């Protein structure tokens, strides 16, 4: 998917964070809580107007979730009905804190 945004510093590096929340069925059939955040931020460069368009693949950006321990099985990405959350920053600080964009959330 392509994530777009605007209002960043012009022609500047922008970092994007991906997170997921919801529940995923385990091998036992029980639902397990799933709250994961990307370990590494995606990097993009804003255009001269401060806009970004960055390719995001939750199967790559999110860490795997252990859903079965015998045999070991992992789930990658986001499960149907879960919510994906995206936020970004361009390195600006406000009041001594890193200024993140509003979080954009969508349901898978």
Protein backbone atom coordinates (compact mmCIF):
# COMPACT_ATOMS: atom_id res chain seq x y z
CA UNK A 1 0.00 0.00 0.00
CA UNK A 2 1.11 3.58 -0.50
CA UNK A 3 0.85 5.93 2.43
CA UNK A 4 0.63 9.63 1.60
CA UNK A 5 0.94 12.67 3.82
CA UNK A 6 1.66 16.37 3.76
CA UNK A 7 2.78 19.23 5.98
CA UNK A 8 6.35 18.01 6.42
CA UNK A 9 9.44 20.13 5.93
CA UNK A 10 10.10 20.56 2.19
CA UNK A 11 12.69 18.23 0.61
CA UNK A 12 13.45 16.68 3.97
CA UNK A 13 13.86 13.17 5.38
CA UNK A 14 10.67 11.80 7.00
CA UNK A 15 10.41 8.72 9.22
CA UNK A 16 7.24 6.58 9.28
CA UNK A 17 6.18 4.26 12.12
CA UNK A 18 3.79 1.33 11.60
CA UNK A 19 1.82 -0.36 14.41
CA UNK A 20 -0.99 -2.90 14.61
CA UNK A 21 -3.59 -3.64 17.28
CA UNK A 22 -6.28 -6.26 17.57
CA UNK A 23 -6.64 -9.99 18.08
CA UNK A 24 -5.34 -12.95 16.09
CA UNK A 25 -6.46 -16.59 16.34
CA UNK A 26 -3.82 -18.92 17.77
CA UNK A 27 -3.41 -22.56 16.72
CA UNK A 28 -5.47 -23.56 19.77
CA UNK A 29 -8.40 -21.54 18.41
CA UNK A 30 -8.16 -18.98 21.20
CA UNK A 31 -7.79 -15.31 20.33
CA UNK A 32 -4.54 -13.68 21.37
CA UNK A 33 -3.92 -9.98 21.80
CA UNK A 34 -1.79 -8.44 19.08
CA UNK A 35 -0.05 -5.13 19.72
CA UNK A 36 3.09 -4.72 17.62
CA UNK A 37 5.12 -1.72 16.48
CA UNK A 38 7.67 -1.61 13.70
CA UNK A 39 11.15 -2.01 15.11
CA UNK A 40 12.63 0.09 12.35
CA UNK A 41 11.12 3.27 10.97
CA UNK A 42 10.61 3.59 7.22
CA UNK A 43 12.41 6.52 5.63
CA UNK A 44 11.10 8.75 2.88
CA UNK A 45 11.98 12.16 1.50
CA UNK A 46 9.32 14.81 1.22
CA UNK A 47 8.89 16.64 -2.07
CA UNK A 48 9.41 20.43 -2.40
CA UNK A 49 5.86 21.03 -1.10
CA UNK A 50 6.41 18.85 2.01
CA UNK A 51 4.36 15.85 0.80
CA UNK A 52 5.36 12.17 1.00
CA UNK A 53 4.28 8.96 -0.70
CA UNK A 54 5.89 5.85 0.78
CA UNK A 55 5.30 2.14 0.10
CA UNK A 56 4.36 0.30 3.31
CA UNK A 57 4.16 -3.49 3.56
CA UNK A 58 3.05 -4.56 7.07
CA UNK A 59 4.36 -8.08 6.42
CA UNK A 60 7.83 -6.55 6.18
CA UNK A 61 7.66 -3.61 8.61
CA UNK A 62 5.95 -5.35 11.55
CA UNK A 63 7.72 -8.02 13.61
CA UNK A 64 6.29 -11.55 13.35
CA UNK A 65 3.77 -12.73 15.96
CA UNK A 66 4.14 -16.20 17.50
CA UNK A 67 0.71 -17.88 17.14
CA UNK A 68 1.68 -21.49 17.77
CA UNK A 69 4.57 -22.94 19.75
CA UNK A 70 4.26 -26.61 18.74
CA UNK A 71 4.91 -26.64 15.88
CA UNK A 72 6.30 -23.12 15.86
CA UNK A 73 4.26 -20.85 13.58
CA UNK A 74 4.41 -17.10 13.12
CA UNK A 75 1.92 -14.65 11.66
CA UNK A 76 3.22 -11.80 9.49
CA UNK A 77 1.42 -8.55 8.75
CA UNK A 78 -2.06 -7.68 9.99
CA UNK A 79 -5.01 -10.04 10.45
CA UNK A 80 -8.51 -9.33 9.09
CA UNK A 81 -10.30 -6.93 11.45
CA UNK A 82 -7.13 -5.59 13.07
CA UNK A 83 -6.23 -1.92 12.95
CA UNK A 84 -3.07 -0.55 11.33
CA UNK A 85 -1.72 2.73 12.70
CA UNK A 86 0.69 5.04 10.90
CA UNK A 87 2.45 8.18 12.11
CA UNK A 88 5.46 10.13 10.85
CA UNK A 89 7.91 12.85 11.79
CA UNK A 90 10.46 15.01 10.00
CA UNK A 91 12.79 15.55 12.95
CA UNK A 92 11.16 18.69 14.33
CA UNK A 93 10.81 19.18 18.07
CA UNK A 94 8.16 21.13 19.94
CA UNK A 95 8.51 21.83 23.64
CA UNK A 96 11.53 19.51 23.80
CA UNK A 97 9.60 16.55 22.36
CA UNK A 98 9.74 14.97 18.91
CA UNK A 99 6.74 16.19 16.90
CA UNK A 100 4.84 13.21 15.40
CA UNK A 101 2.04 13.59 12.87
CA UNK A 102 -1.53 12.72 13.74
CA UNK A 103 -1.93 8.94 13.67
CA UNK A 104 -3.76 7.57 10.62
CA UNK A 105 -5.65 4.34 11.40
CA UNK A 106 -7.32 1.89 9.06
CA UNK A 107 -9.07 -1.43 9.62
CA UNK A 108 -7.73 -4.39 7.64
